[in-house]
Amino acid sequence: MSKAKTAAEKTSAAAETTFLNGAEALKAGFEKAAKSYDTVLTYGKDTAEACMKSATVAGKGIESINSELYSYSKDAIEESIAAGKAIMGSKSIQEAFELQTDYAKSAFEAYVGELTKVSELFTATTKSTFAPLQCRVQAWVEVVQSARAA
């Protein structure tokens, strides 16, 4: 019986050691998973904030573009009306033709200038809108790399 008792004690000790090692491994795995979960949760929160900031910047940019287009349209209509009145009040066909030519030239130059302004505003708005999101891409790369290292 002593051999059986010794074998049982050895088996019991081995089972207890295996159980303790398994419990430690489970605890370490759980702590690692909890840490990763916290990292992903923080990343998600920061990403949501970046999206809100991006949306705010985009909204302000669209508001600026809209304001610029409204101002241009208003000025263009006023200039068109003034040019129409001047042409109607001209004393000769030659004068009317010159007024029409001058108006067409200035309207075209104003239009090209406005396109340039709106293009610059759009480019600046786009860059500003995507800046917070680009930072989140880099943050995601860091999250993935830290998860690999752990």
N, C-alpha and C. Protein backbone atom coordinates (compact mmCIF):
# COMPACT_ATOMS: atom_id res chain seq x y z
N MET A 1 0.80 -1.18 0.00
CA MET A 1 0.00 0.00 0.00
C MET A 1 0.85 1.25 0.00
N SER A 2 1.99 1.19 0.52
CA SER A 2 2.82 2.37 0.59
C SER A 2 3.23 2.84 -0.80
N LYS A 3 3.44 1.89 -1.74
CA LYS A 3 3.76 2.28 -3.11
C LYS A 3 2.56 2.96 -3.76
N ALA A 4 1.39 2.43 -3.50
CA ALA A 4 0.17 3.01 -4.05
C ALA A 4 -0.08 4.38 -3.45
N LYS A 5 0.18 4.48 -2.15
CA LYS A 5 -0.01 5.76 -1.46
C LYS A 5 0.97 6.80 -2.00
N THR A 6 2.24 6.40 -2.20
CA THR A 6 3.26 7.30 -2.73
C THR A 6 2.91 7.71 -4.15
N ALA A 7 2.45 6.80 -4.97
CA ALA A 7 2.06 7.11 -6.35
C ALA A 7 0.86 8.05 -6.36
N ALA A 8 -0.06 7.81 -5.44
CA ALA A 8 -1.24 8.68 -5.36
C ALA A 8 -0.84 10.08 -4.92
N GLU A 9 0.10 10.16 -3.96
CA GLU A 9 0.57 11.47 -3.50
C GLU A 9 1.29 12.21 -4.63
N LYS A 10 2.12 11.47 -5.38
CA LYS A 10 2.83 12.08 -6.51
C LYS A 10 1.84 12.57 -7.57
N THR A 11 0.86 11.76 -7.87
CA THR A 11 -0.15 12.13 -8.85
C THR A 11 -0.94 13.33 -8.36
N SER A 12 -1.26 13.31 -7.08
CA SER A 12 -2.00 14.43 -6.48
C SER A 12 -1.17 15.71 -6.52
N ALA A 13 0.11 15.61 -6.19
CA ALA A 13 1.00 16.77 -6.21
C ALA A 13 1.16 17.29 -7.64
N ALA A 14 1.32 16.36 -8.59
CA ALA A 14 1.45 16.77 -10.00
C ALA A 14 0.18 17.44 -10.48
N ALA A 15 -0.98 16.90 -10.08
CA ALA A 15 -2.25 17.50 -10.49
C ALA A 15 -2.41 18.89 -9.87
N GLU A 16 -2.00 19.02 -8.61
CA GLU A 16 -2.09 20.32 -7.95
C GLU A 16 -1.17 21.34 -8.61
N THR A 17 0.05 20.93 -8.96
CA THR A 17 1.01 21.81 -9.64
C THR A 17 0.47 22.23 -11.00
N THR A 18 -0.08 21.26 -11.72
CA THR A 18 -0.66 21.56 -13.03
C THR A 18 -1.82 22.51 -12.89
N PHE A 19 -2.66 22.29 -11.90
CA PHE A 19 -3.80 23.17 -11.66
C PHE A 19 -3.34 24.58 -11.33
N LEU A 20 -2.33 24.71 -10.43
CA LEU A 20 -1.81 26.03 -10.06
C LEU A 20 -1.16 26.73 -11.25
N ASN A 21 -0.40 25.97 -12.05
CA ASN A 21 0.21 26.56 -13.25
C ASN A 21 -0.86 27.01 -14.24
N GLY A 22 -1.88 26.19 -14.39
CA GLY A 22 -2.99 26.56 -15.28
C GLY A 22 -3.72 27.78 -14.77
N ALA A 23 -3.92 27.86 -13.46
CA ALA A 23 -4.59 29.02 -12.87
C ALA A 23 -3.76 30.28 -13.07
N GLU A 24 -2.45 30.18 -12.90
CA GLU A 24 -1.56 31.34 -13.12
C GLU A 24 -1.58 31.76 -14.59
N ALA A 25 -1.54 30.79 -15.49
CA ALA A 25 -1.58 31.09 -16.92
C ALA A 25 -2.91 31.74 -17.28
N LEU A 26 -4.00 31.23 -16.72
CA LEU A 26 -5.32 31.81 -16.96
C LEU A 26 -5.38 33.24 -16.44
N LYS A 27 -4.84 33.44 -15.23
CA LYS A 27 -4.84 34.78 -14.63
C LYS A 27 -4.01 35.75 -15.48
N ALA A 28 -2.82 35.30 -15.92
CA ALA A 28 -1.96 36.15 -16.76
C ALA A 28 -2.64 36.45 -18.09
N GLY A 29 -3.28 35.45 -18.68
CA GLY A 29 -4.00 35.66 -19.94
C GLY A 29 -5.16 36.62 -19.78
N PHE A 30 -5.87 36.49 -18.67
CA PHE A 30 -6.99 37.39 -18.41
C PHE A 30 -6.51 38.81 -18.22
N GLU A 31 -5.42 38.99 -17.47
CA GLU A 31 -4.87 40.33 -17.25
C GLU A 31 -4.40 40.95 -18.57
N LYS A 32 -3.79 40.13 -19.41
CA LYS A 32 -3.34 40.61 -20.72
C LYS A 32 -4.54 41.01 -21.57
N ALA A 33 -5.58 40.18 -21.57
CA ALA A 33 -6.79 40.49 -22.34
C ALA A 33 -7.47 41.74 -21.81
N ALA A 34 -7.51 41.91 -20.48
CA ALA A 34 -8.12 43.09 -19.90
C ALA A 34 -7.34 44.34 -20.28
N LYS A 35 -6.01 44.23 -20.27
CA LYS A 35 -5.18 45.37 -20.66
C LYS A 35 -5.41 45.71 -22.14
N SER A 36 -5.47 44.70 -22.99
CA SER A 36 -5.73 44.92 -24.41
C SER A 36 -7.11 45.54 -24.62
N TYR A 37 -8.08 45.06 -23.87
CA TYR A 37 -9.44 45.60 -23.95
C TYR A 37 -9.44 47.08 -23.57
N ASP A 38 -8.73 47.43 -22.49
CA ASP A 38 -8.64 48.83 -22.07
C ASP A 38 -7.97 49.67 -23.14
N THR A 39 -6.94 49.13 -23.77
CA THR A 39 -6.24 49.85 -24.83
C THR A 39 -7.17 50.11 -26.01
N VAL A 40 -7.91 49.07 -26.42
CA VAL A 40 -8.84 49.21 -27.54
C VAL A 40 -9.98 50.16 -27.17
N LEU A 41 -10.44 50.08 -25.94
CA LEU A 41 -11.51 50.97 -25.48
C LEU A 41 -11.05 52.42 -25.50
N THR A 42 -9.84 52.67 -25.02
CA THR A 42 -9.27 54.03 -25.05
C THR A 42 -9.09 54.49 -26.48
N TYR A 43 -8.61 53.59 -27.35
CA TYR A 43 -8.45 53.94 -28.76
C TYR A 43 -9.80 54.33 -29.36
N GLY A 44 -10.82 53.55 -29.07
CA GLY A 44 -12.16 53.85 -29.60
C GLY A 44 -12.67 55.19 -29.12
N LYS A 45 -12.46 55.50 -27.85
CA LYS A 45 -12.90 56.79 -27.29
C LYS A 45 -12.15 57.93 -27.98
N ASP A 46 -10.84 57.78 -28.10
CA ASP A 46 -10.03 58.82 -28.76
C ASP A 46 -10.42 58.98 -30.23
N THR A 47 -10.75 57.88 -30.88
CA THR A 47 -11.17 57.92 -32.28
C THR A 47 -12.50 58.64 -32.42
N ALA A 48 -13.42 58.38 -31.49
CA ALA A 48 -14.72 59.07 -31.52
C ALA A 48 -14.52 60.57 -31.35
N GLU A 49 -13.62 60.96 -30.44
CA GLU A 49 -13.32 62.39 -30.25
C GLU A 49 -12.70 62.99 -31.51
N ALA A 50 -11.81 62.24 -32.16
CA ALA A 50 -11.18 62.72 -33.40
C ALA A 50 -12.23 62.88 -34.50
N CYS A 51 -13.18 61.96 -34.56
CA CYS A 51 -14.26 62.07 -35.56
C CYS A 51 -15.12 63.30 -35.30
N MET A 52 -15.40 63.57 -34.03
CA MET A 52 -16.19 64.76 -33.69
C MET A 52 -15.43 66.03 -34.06
N LYS A 53 -14.13 66.04 -33.76
CA LYS A 53 -13.31 67.21 -34.10
C LYS A 53 -13.27 67.39 -35.62
N SER A 54 -13.11 66.28 -36.33
CA SER A 54 -13.08 66.31 -37.78
C SER A 54 -14.39 66.84 -38.35
N ALA A 55 -15.50 66.36 -37.81
CA ALA A 55 -16.82 66.81 -38.28
C ALA A 55 -17.02 68.30 -37.99
N THR A 56 -16.55 68.76 -36.85
CA THR A 56 -16.66 70.18 -36.51
C THR A 56 -15.87 71.04 -37.48
N VAL A 57 -14.65 70.61 -37.76
CA VAL A 57 -13.80 71.35 -38.71
C VAL A 57 -14.44 71.34 -40.10
N ALA A 58 -14.97 70.20 -40.51
CA ALA A 58 -15.63 70.12 -41.82
C ALA A 58 -16.83 71.04 -41.88
N GLY A 59 -17.62 71.07 -40.81
CA GLY A 59 -18.78 71.95 -40.77
C GLY A 59 -18.40 73.42 -40.88
N LYS A 60 -17.36 73.81 -40.17
CA LYS A 60 -16.90 75.21 -40.24
C LYS A 60 -16.35 75.52 -41.64
N GLY A 61 -15.66 74.56 -42.24
CA GLY A 61 -15.13 74.76 -43.59
C GLY A 61 -16.24 74.92 -44.61
N ILE A 62 -17.27 74.07 -44.49
CA ILE A 62 -18.41 74.17 -45.41
C ILE A 62 -19.13 75.50 -45.20
N GLU A 63 -19.21 75.92 -43.96
CA GLU A 63 -19.83 77.21 -43.67
C GLU A 63 -19.04 78.35 -44.32
N SER A 64 -17.72 78.28 -44.27
CA SER A 64 -16.87 79.31 -44.91
C SER A 64 -17.06 79.30 -46.42
N ILE A 65 -17.07 78.11 -47.01
CA ILE A 65 -17.26 78.01 -48.46
C ILE A 65 -18.63 78.54 -48.85
N ASN A 66 -19.65 78.17 -48.10
CA ASN A 66 -21.01 78.65 -48.37
C ASN A 66 -21.08 80.17 -48.27
N SER A 67 -20.46 80.72 -47.24
CA SER A 67 -20.45 82.18 -47.06
C SER A 67 -19.75 82.86 -48.23
N GLU A 68 -18.64 82.30 -48.66
CA GLU A 68 -17.89 82.87 -49.79
C GLU A 68 -18.71 82.81 -51.07
N LEU A 69 -19.36 81.69 -51.33
CA LEU A 69 -20.19 81.56 -52.53
C LEU A 69 -21.39 82.50 -52.49
N TYR A 70 -22.00 82.64 -51.32
CA TYR A 70 -23.13 83.56 -51.18
C TYR A 70 -22.69 84.99 -51.46
N SER A 71 -21.57 85.38 -50.88
CA SER A 71 -21.05 86.73 -51.09
C SER A 71 -20.74 86.98 -52.57
N TYR A 72 -20.09 86.01 -53.20
CA TYR A 72 -19.77 86.14 -54.62
C TYR A 72 -21.04 86.26 -55.46
N SER A 73 -22.01 85.40 -55.19
CA SER A 73 -23.25 85.42 -55.96
C SER A 73 -23.97 86.75 -55.83
N LYS A 74 -24.03 87.25 -54.61
CA LYS A 74 -24.67 88.54 -54.36
C LYS A 74 -23.96 89.66 -55.15
N ASP A 75 -22.63 89.68 -55.05
CA ASP A 75 -21.86 90.70 -55.77
C ASP A 75 -22.03 90.55 -57.29
N ALA A 76 -22.03 89.32 -57.77
CA ALA A 76 -22.15 89.07 -59.22
C ALA A 76 -23.51 89.54 -59.72
N ILE A 77 -24.56 89.31 -58.95
CA ILE A 77 -25.90 89.76 -59.36
C ILE A 77 -25.97 91.28 -59.38
N GLU A 78 -25.40 91.91 -58.34
CA GLU A 78 -25.41 93.38 -58.28
C GLU A 78 -24.63 93.97 -59.45
N GLU A 79 -23.47 93.37 -59.76
CA GLU A 79 -22.67 93.86 -60.88
C GLU A 79 -23.39 93.64 -62.21
N SER A 80 -24.09 92.53 -62.33
CA SER A 80 -24.84 92.23 -63.55
C SER A 80 -25.96 93.25 -63.75
N ILE A 81 -26.66 93.55 -62.67
CA ILE A 81 -27.75 94.55 -62.76
C ILE A 81 -27.19 95.91 -63.13
N ALA A 82 -26.08 96.30 -62.47
CA ALA A 82 -25.46 97.60 -62.77
C ALA A 82 -24.99 97.66 -64.22
N ALA A 83 -24.39 96.56 -64.70
CA ALA A 83 -23.93 96.53 -66.09
C ALA A 83 -25.11 96.59 -67.05
N GLY A 84 -26.18 95.88 -66.73
CA GLY A 84 -27.39 95.93 -67.57
C GLY A 84 -27.95 97.33 -67.66
N LYS A 85 -28.00 98.03 -66.52
CA LYS A 85 -28.51 99.40 -66.53
C LYS A 85 -27.61 100.31 -67.36
N ALA A 86 -26.29 100.12 -67.20
CA ALA A 86 -25.34 100.95 -67.95
C ALA A 86 -25.47 100.71 -69.44
N ILE A 87 -25.64 99.44 -69.81
CA ILE A 87 -25.77 99.10 -71.24
C ILE A 87 -27.07 99.68 -71.79
N MET A 88 -28.14 99.56 -71.05
CA MET A 88 -29.44 100.09 -71.50
C MET A 88 -29.41 101.62 -71.61
N GLY A 89 -28.57 102.24 -70.78
CA GLY A 89 -28.48 103.70 -70.82
C GLY A 89 -27.44 104.23 -71.77
N SER A 90 -26.80 103.35 -72.50
CA SER A 90 -25.76 103.80 -73.43
C SER A 90 -26.38 104.61 -74.58
N LYS A 91 -25.59 105.48 -75.16
CA LYS A 91 -26.08 106.38 -76.19
C LYS A 91 -25.81 105.87 -77.60
N SER A 92 -24.96 104.84 -77.70
CA SER A 92 -24.68 104.30 -79.04
C SER A 92 -24.43 102.79 -78.93
N ILE A 93 -24.48 102.16 -80.08
CA ILE A 93 -24.20 100.72 -80.12
C ILE A 93 -22.75 100.46 -79.75
N GLN A 94 -21.89 101.33 -80.19
CA GLN A 94 -20.45 101.19 -79.87
C GLN A 94 -20.24 101.25 -78.36
N GLU A 95 -20.88 102.20 -77.69
CA GLU A 95 -20.75 102.33 -76.23
C GLU A 95 -21.35 101.09 -75.54
N ALA A 96 -22.48 100.62 -76.02
CA ALA A 96 -23.11 99.43 -75.44
C ALA A 96 -22.19 98.21 -75.61
N PHE A 97 -21.60 98.10 -76.78
CA PHE A 97 -20.69 96.99 -77.04
C PHE A 97 -19.48 97.05 -76.12
N GLU A 98 -18.91 98.24 -75.92
CA GLU A 98 -17.75 98.40 -75.03
C GLU A 98 -18.12 98.08 -73.58
N LEU A 99 -19.28 98.55 -73.13
CA LEU A 99 -19.73 98.26 -71.78
C LEU A 99 -19.95 96.75 -71.58
N GLN A 100 -20.58 96.12 -72.58
CA GLN A 100 -20.81 94.68 -72.50
C GLN A 100 -19.49 93.92 -72.47
N THR A 101 -18.53 94.33 -73.29
CA THR A 101 -17.22 93.68 -73.33
C THR A 101 -16.49 93.84 -72.00
N ASP A 102 -16.51 95.06 -71.47
CA ASP A 102 -15.86 95.30 -70.17
C ASP A 102 -16.51 94.47 -69.06
N TYR A 103 -17.84 94.42 -69.09
CA TYR A 103 -18.54 93.63 -68.07
C TYR A 103 -18.20 92.14 -68.20
N ALA A 104 -18.19 91.63 -69.41
CA ALA A 104 -17.89 90.21 -69.64
C ALA A 104 -16.47 89.89 -69.15
N LYS A 105 -15.54 90.79 -69.45
CA LYS A 105 -14.16 90.58 -69.03
C LYS A 105 -14.05 90.59 -67.50
N SER A 106 -14.64 91.57 -66.86
CA SER A 106 -14.55 91.64 -65.39
C SER A 106 -15.32 90.50 -64.72
N ALA A 107 -16.45 90.10 -65.31
CA ALA A 107 -17.21 88.98 -64.74
C ALA A 107 -16.41 87.69 -64.84
N PHE A 108 -15.74 87.49 -65.97
CA PHE A 108 -14.93 86.28 -66.13
C PHE A 108 -13.77 86.27 -65.14
N GLU A 109 -13.08 87.41 -64.99
CA GLU A 109 -11.96 87.51 -64.05
C GLU A 109 -12.43 87.27 -62.62
N ALA A 110 -13.60 87.81 -62.27
CA ALA A 110 -14.16 87.60 -60.93
C ALA A 110 -14.50 86.12 -60.72
N TYR A 111 -15.03 85.50 -61.76
CA TYR A 111 -15.40 84.08 -61.69
C TYR A 111 -14.17 83.21 -61.47
N VAL A 112 -13.12 83.47 -62.22
CA VAL A 112 -11.88 82.70 -62.08
C VAL A 112 -11.27 82.94 -60.69
N GLY A 113 -11.30 84.18 -60.24
CA GLY A 113 -10.81 84.48 -58.90
C GLY A 113 -11.60 83.76 -57.82
N GLU A 114 -12.90 83.71 -58.00
CA GLU A 114 -13.76 83.02 -57.04
C GLU A 114 -13.50 81.52 -57.04
N LEU A 115 -13.32 80.94 -58.22
CA LEU A 115 -12.98 79.52 -58.30
C LEU A 115 -11.68 79.22 -57.55
N THR A 116 -10.72 80.10 -57.68
CA THR A 116 -9.44 79.93 -56.99
C THR A 116 -9.65 79.99 -55.48
N LYS A 117 -10.42 80.98 -55.01
CA LYS A 117 -10.69 81.11 -53.56
C LYS A 117 -11.39 79.87 -53.03
N VAL A 118 -12.43 79.43 -53.73
CA VAL A 118 -13.20 78.27 -53.27
C VAL A 118 -12.33 77.01 -53.29
N SER A 119 -11.51 76.88 -54.29
CA SER A 119 -10.60 75.73 -54.37
C SER A 119 -9.63 75.73 -53.19
N GLU A 120 -9.08 76.88 -52.86
CA GLU A 120 -8.16 76.98 -51.72
C GLU A 120 -8.88 76.69 -50.41
N LEU A 121 -10.09 77.22 -50.25
CA LEU A 121 -10.88 76.94 -49.05
C LEU A 121 -11.19 75.44 -48.94
N PHE A 122 -11.56 74.84 -50.06
CA PHE A 122 -11.88 73.42 -50.06
C PHE A 122 -10.65 72.58 -49.70
N THR A 123 -9.52 72.91 -50.26
CA THR A 123 -8.28 72.18 -49.97
C THR A 123 -7.90 72.33 -48.50
N ALA A 124 -7.97 73.54 -47.98
CA ALA A 124 -7.64 73.77 -46.57
C ALA A 124 -8.61 73.03 -45.66
N THR A 125 -9.89 73.05 -46.00
CA THR A 125 -10.90 72.35 -45.20
C THR A 125 -10.66 70.85 -45.22
N THR A 126 -10.35 70.32 -46.38
CA THR A 126 -10.09 68.88 -46.50
C THR A 126 -8.89 68.47 -45.66
N LYS A 127 -7.80 69.23 -45.74
CA LYS A 127 -6.61 68.92 -44.95
C LYS A 127 -6.92 68.98 -43.46
N SER A 128 -7.61 70.04 -43.04
CA SER A 128 -7.95 70.19 -41.63
C SER A 128 -8.91 69.12 -41.15
N THR A 129 -9.80 68.69 -42.02
CA THR A 129 -10.78 67.67 -41.64
C THR A 129 -10.12 66.31 -41.44
N PHE A 130 -9.17 65.96 -42.29
CA PHE A 130 -8.54 64.65 -42.20
C PHE A 130 -7.38 64.58 -41.22
N ALA A 131 -6.88 65.73 -40.75
CA ALA A 131 -5.73 65.72 -39.84
C ALA A 131 -6.00 64.90 -38.56
N PRO A 132 -7.12 65.10 -37.86
CA PRO A 132 -7.35 64.29 -36.66
C PRO A 132 -7.49 62.79 -36.96
N LEU A 133 -8.02 62.46 -38.12
CA LEU A 133 -8.21 61.05 -38.47
C LEU A 133 -6.89 60.39 -38.84
N GLN A 134 -5.98 61.13 -39.44
CA GLN A 134 -4.67 60.58 -39.77
C GLN A 134 -3.91 60.20 -38.50
N CYS A 135 -4.07 61.00 -37.45
CA CYS A 135 -3.43 60.68 -36.17
C CYS A 135 -3.98 59.36 -35.62
N ARG A 136 -5.24 59.09 -35.87
CA ARG A 136 -5.85 57.86 -35.36
C ARG A 136 -5.29 56.63 -36.08
N VAL A 137 -4.95 56.78 -37.34
CA VAL A 137 -4.33 55.67 -38.08
C VAL A 137 -3.00 55.31 -37.42
N GLN A 138 -2.20 56.32 -37.12
CA GLN A 138 -0.92 56.07 -36.46
C GLN A 138 -1.13 55.45 -35.09
N ALA A 139 -2.14 55.91 -34.37
CA ALA A 139 -2.45 55.35 -33.05
C ALA A 139 -2.85 53.88 -33.17
N TRP A 140 -3.59 53.53 -34.22
CA TRP A 140 -3.99 52.13 -34.41
C TRP A 140 -2.78 51.25 -34.67
N VAL A 141 -1.84 51.76 -35.46
CA VAL A 141 -0.61 51.01 -35.72
C VAL A 141 0.12 50.75 -34.40
N GLU A 142 0.17 51.75 -33.53
CA GLU A 142 0.82 51.59 -32.23
C GLU A 142 0.08 50.58 -31.35
N VAL A 143 -1.26 50.60 -31.40
CA VAL A 143 -2.05 49.63 -30.63
C VAL A 143 -1.73 48.21 -31.09
N VAL A 144 -1.70 48.01 -32.41
CA VAL A 144 -1.43 46.69 -32.95
C VAL A 144 -0.02 46.23 -32.60
N GLN A 145 0.95 47.14 -32.72
CA GLN A 145 2.33 46.78 -32.40
C GLN A 145 2.49 46.45 -30.92
N SER A 146 1.83 47.19 -30.05
CA SER A 146 1.95 46.90 -28.61
C SER A 146 1.27 45.58 -28.28
N ALA A 147 0.19 45.25 -28.98
CA ALA A 147 -0.48 43.97 -28.75
C ALA A 147 0.41 42.81 -29.20
N ARG A 148 1.12 43.02 -30.29
CA ARG A 148 2.04 41.97 -30.76
C ARG A 148 3.18 41.74 -29.78
N ALA A 149 3.69 42.86 -29.24
CA ALA A 149 4.83 42.78 -28.34
C ALA A 149 4.45 42.13 -27.00
N ALA A 150 3.20 42.28 -26.61
CA ALA A 150 2.77 41.75 -25.30
C ALA A 150 2.58 40.28 -25.29
